[in-house]
Amino acid sequence: MDPQGWLADMLACITDYKITRIDDLLPWNWSNHAA
């Protein structure tokens, strides 16, 4: 996993995420949404 890629993607997506799905953005659950 690329930590910088995760952080950039997480920060870009966090405003659109529902609070009930916020755990999807944790590093171990993250999948690159741009891929």
PDB file of N, CA and C in Angstrom:
ATOM      1  N   MET A   1       0.842  -1.181   0.000  1.00  0.00           N
ATOM      2  CA  MET A   1       0.000   0.000   0.000  1.00  0.00           C
ATOM      3  C   MET A   1       0.883   1.238   0.000  1.00  0.00           C
ATOM      4  N   ASP A   2       0.470   2.198  -0.757  1.00  0.00           N
ATOM      5  CA  ASP A   2       1.165   3.481  -0.842  1.00  0.00           C
ATOM      6  C   ASP A   2       0.531   4.444   0.163  1.00  0.00           C
ATOM      7  N   PRO A   3       1.226   4.769   1.260  1.00  0.00           N
ATOM      8  CA  PRO A   3       0.633   5.641   2.281  1.00  0.00           C
ATOM      9  C   PRO A   3       0.223   7.012   1.746  1.00  0.00           C
ATOM     10  N   GLN A   4       1.030   7.583   0.873  1.00  0.00           N
ATOM     11  CA  GLN A   4       0.696   8.892   0.321  1.00  0.00           C
ATOM     12  C   GLN A   4      -0.531   8.804  -0.588  1.00  0.00           C
ATOM     13  N   GLY A   5      -0.624   7.726  -1.356  1.00  0.00           N
ATOM     14  CA  GLY A   5      -1.789   7.517  -2.210  1.00  0.00           C
ATOM     15  C   GLY A   5      -3.048   7.316  -1.397  1.00  0.00           C
ATOM     16  N   TRP A   6      -2.933   6.546  -0.305  1.00  0.00           N
ATOM     17  CA  TRP A   6      -4.076   6.323   0.578  1.00  0.00           C
ATOM     18  C   TRP A   6      -4.549   7.640   1.183  1.00  0.00           C
ATOM     19  N   LEU A   7      -3.602   8.424   1.697  1.00  0.00           N
ATOM     20  CA  LEU A   7      -3.965   9.682   2.344  1.00  0.00           C
ATOM     21  C   LEU A   7      -4.619  10.651   1.361  1.00  0.00           C
ATOM     22  N   ALA A   8      -4.055  10.771   0.176  1.00  0.00           N
ATOM     23  CA  ALA A   8      -4.623  11.669  -0.829  1.00  0.00           C
ATOM     24  C   ALA A   8      -6.029  11.229  -1.226  1.00  0.00           C
ATOM     25  N   ASP A   9      -6.224   9.936  -1.445  1.00  0.00           N
ATOM     26  CA  ASP A   9      -7.539   9.429  -1.840  1.00  0.00           C
ATOM     27  C   ASP A   9      -8.542   9.556  -0.702  1.00  0.00           C
ATOM     28  N   MET A  10      -8.100   9.236   0.507  1.00  0.00           N
ATOM     29  CA  MET A  10      -8.983   9.322   1.668  1.00  0.00           C
ATOM     30  C   MET A  10      -9.446  10.756   1.887  1.00  0.00           C
ATOM     31  N   LEU A  11      -8.544  11.711   1.788  1.00  0.00           N
ATOM     32  CA  LEU A  11      -8.918  13.112   1.982  1.00  0.00           C
ATOM     33  C   LEU A  11      -9.837  13.614   0.873  1.00  0.00           C
ATOM     34  N   ALA A  12      -9.664  13.098  -0.333  1.00  0.00           N
ATOM     35  CA  ALA A  12     -10.523  13.499  -1.445  1.00  0.00           C
ATOM     36  C   ALA A  12     -11.927  12.917  -1.304  1.00  0.00           C
ATOM     37  N   CYS A  13     -12.037  11.732  -0.703  1.00  0.00           N
ATOM     38  CA  CYS A  13     -13.324  11.033  -0.626  1.00  0.00           C
ATOM     39  C   CYS A  13     -14.092  11.271   0.666  1.00  0.00           C
ATOM     40  N   ILE A  14     -13.431  11.702   1.709  1.00  0.00           N
ATOM     41  CA  ILE A  14     -14.046  11.721   3.042  1.00  0.00           C
ATOM     42  C   ILE A  14     -15.276  12.630   3.117  1.00  0.00           C
ATOM     43  N   THR A  15     -15.309  13.699   2.363  1.00  0.00           N
ATOM     44  CA  THR A  15     -16.459  14.611   2.449  1.00  0.00           C
ATOM     45  C   THR A  15     -17.721  14.011   1.855  1.00  0.00           C
ATOM     46  N   ASP A  16     -17.571  13.061   0.923  1.00  0.00           N
ATOM     47  CA  ASP A  16     -18.727  12.445   0.271  1.00  0.00           C
ATOM     48  C   ASP A  16     -19.174  11.148   0.938  1.00  0.00           C
ATOM     49  N   TYR A  17     -18.425  10.682   1.938  1.00  0.00           N
ATOM     50  CA  TYR A  17     -18.739   9.401   2.563  1.00  0.00           C
ATOM     51  C   TYR A  17     -19.805   9.547   3.633  1.00  0.00           C
ATOM     52  N   LYS A  18     -20.676   8.551   3.689  1.00  0.00           N
ATOM     53  CA  LYS A  18     -21.660   8.500   4.772  1.00  0.00           C
ATOM     54  C   LYS A  18     -20.940   8.071   6.045  1.00  0.00           C
ATOM     55  N   ILE A  19     -21.369   8.585   7.161  1.00  0.00           N
ATOM     56  CA  ILE A  19     -20.723   8.290   8.438  1.00  0.00           C
ATOM     57  C   ILE A  19     -20.769   6.796   8.758  1.00  0.00           C
ATOM     58  N   THR A  20     -21.771   6.107   8.273  1.00  0.00           N
ATOM     59  CA  THR A  20     -21.884   4.673   8.554  1.00  0.00           C
ATOM     60  C   THR A  20     -20.895   3.844   7.747  1.00  0.00           C
ATOM     61  N   ARG A  21     -20.276   4.434   6.727  1.00  0.00           N
ATOM     62  CA  ARG A  21     -19.315   3.704   5.890  1.00  0.00           C
ATOM     63  C   ARG A  21     -17.905   4.254   6.031  1.00  0.00           C
ATOM     64  N   ILE A  22     -17.671   5.092   7.022  1.00  0.00           N
ATOM     65  CA  ILE A  22     -16.378   5.751   7.172  1.00  0.00           C
ATOM     66  C   ILE A  22     -15.244   4.746   7.396  1.00  0.00           C
ATOM     67  N   ASP A  23     -15.559   3.564   7.941  1.00  0.00           N
ATOM     68  CA  ASP A  23     -14.519   2.553   8.161  1.00  0.00           C
ATOM     69  C   ASP A  23     -13.959   2.010   6.851  1.00  0.00           C
ATOM     70  N   ASP A  24     -14.644   2.231   5.734  1.00  0.00           N
ATOM     71  CA  ASP A  24     -14.113   1.838   4.422  1.00  0.00           C
ATOM     72  C   ASP A  24     -12.841   2.603   4.087  1.00  0.00           C
ATOM     73  N   LEU A  25     -12.639   3.753   4.698  1.00  0.00           N
ATOM     74  CA  LEU A  25     -11.479   4.583   4.397  1.00  0.00           C
ATOM     75  C   LEU A  25     -10.263   4.261   5.256  1.00  0.00           C
ATOM     76  N   LEU A  26     -10.403   3.342   6.201  1.00  0.00           N
ATOM     77  CA  LEU A  26      -9.248   2.928   6.994  1.00  0.00           C
ATOM     78  C   LEU A  26      -8.236   2.235   6.092  1.00  0.00           C
ATOM     79  N   PRO A  27      -6.954   2.347   6.407  1.00  0.00           N
ATOM     80  CA  PRO A  27      -5.924   1.804   5.511  1.00  0.00           C
ATOM     81  C   PRO A  27      -6.111   0.336   5.163  1.00  0.00           C
ATOM     82  N   TRP A  28      -6.544  -0.487   6.107  1.00  0.00           N
ATOM     83  CA  TRP A  28      -6.684  -1.922   5.842  1.00  0.00           C
ATOM     84  C   TRP A  28      -7.964  -2.257   5.081  1.00  0.00           C
ATOM     85  N   ASN A  29      -8.874  -1.328   4.922  1.00  0.00           N
ATOM     86  CA  ASN A  29     -10.097  -1.537   4.138  1.00  0.00           C
ATOM     87  C   ASN A  29     -10.081  -0.766   2.825  1.00  0.00           C
ATOM     88  N   TRP A  30      -9.080   0.069   2.637  1.00  0.00           N
ATOM     89  CA  TRP A  30      -9.023   0.982   1.495  1.00  0.00           C
ATOM     90  C   TRP A  30      -8.735   0.245   0.196  1.00  0.00           C
ATOM     91  N   SER A  31      -9.464   0.610  -0.827  1.00  0.00           N
ATOM     92  CA  SER A  31      -9.123   0.192  -2.189  1.00  0.00           C
ATOM     93  C   SER A  31      -9.063   1.472  -3.006  1.00  0.00           C
ATOM     94  N   ASN A  32      -8.096   1.552  -3.872  1.00  0.00           N
ATOM     95  CA  ASN A  32      -7.889   2.781  -4.630  1.00  0.00           C
ATOM     96  C   ASN A  32      -9.090   3.050  -5.524  1.00  0.00           C
ATOM     97  N   HIS A  33      -9.824   4.098  -5.233  1.00  0.00           N
ATOM     98  CA  HIS A  33     -11.033   4.425  -5.991  1.00  0.00           C
ATOM     99  C   HIS A  33     -10.708   4.926  -7.393  1.00  0.00           C
ATOM    100  N   ALA A  34      -9.499   5.392  -7.590  1.00  0.00           N
ATOM    101  CA  ALA A  34      -9.096   5.890  -8.907  1.00  0.00           C
ATOM    102  C   ALA A  34      -8.690   4.760  -9.842  1.00  0.00           C
ATOM    103  N   ALA A  35      -8.475   3.570  -9.303  1.00  0.00           N
ATOM    104  CA  ALA A  35      -8.009   2.441 -10.130  1.00  0.00           C
ATOM    105  C   ALA A  35      -9.137   1.864 -10.958  1.00  0.00           C
TER     106      ALA A  35
END
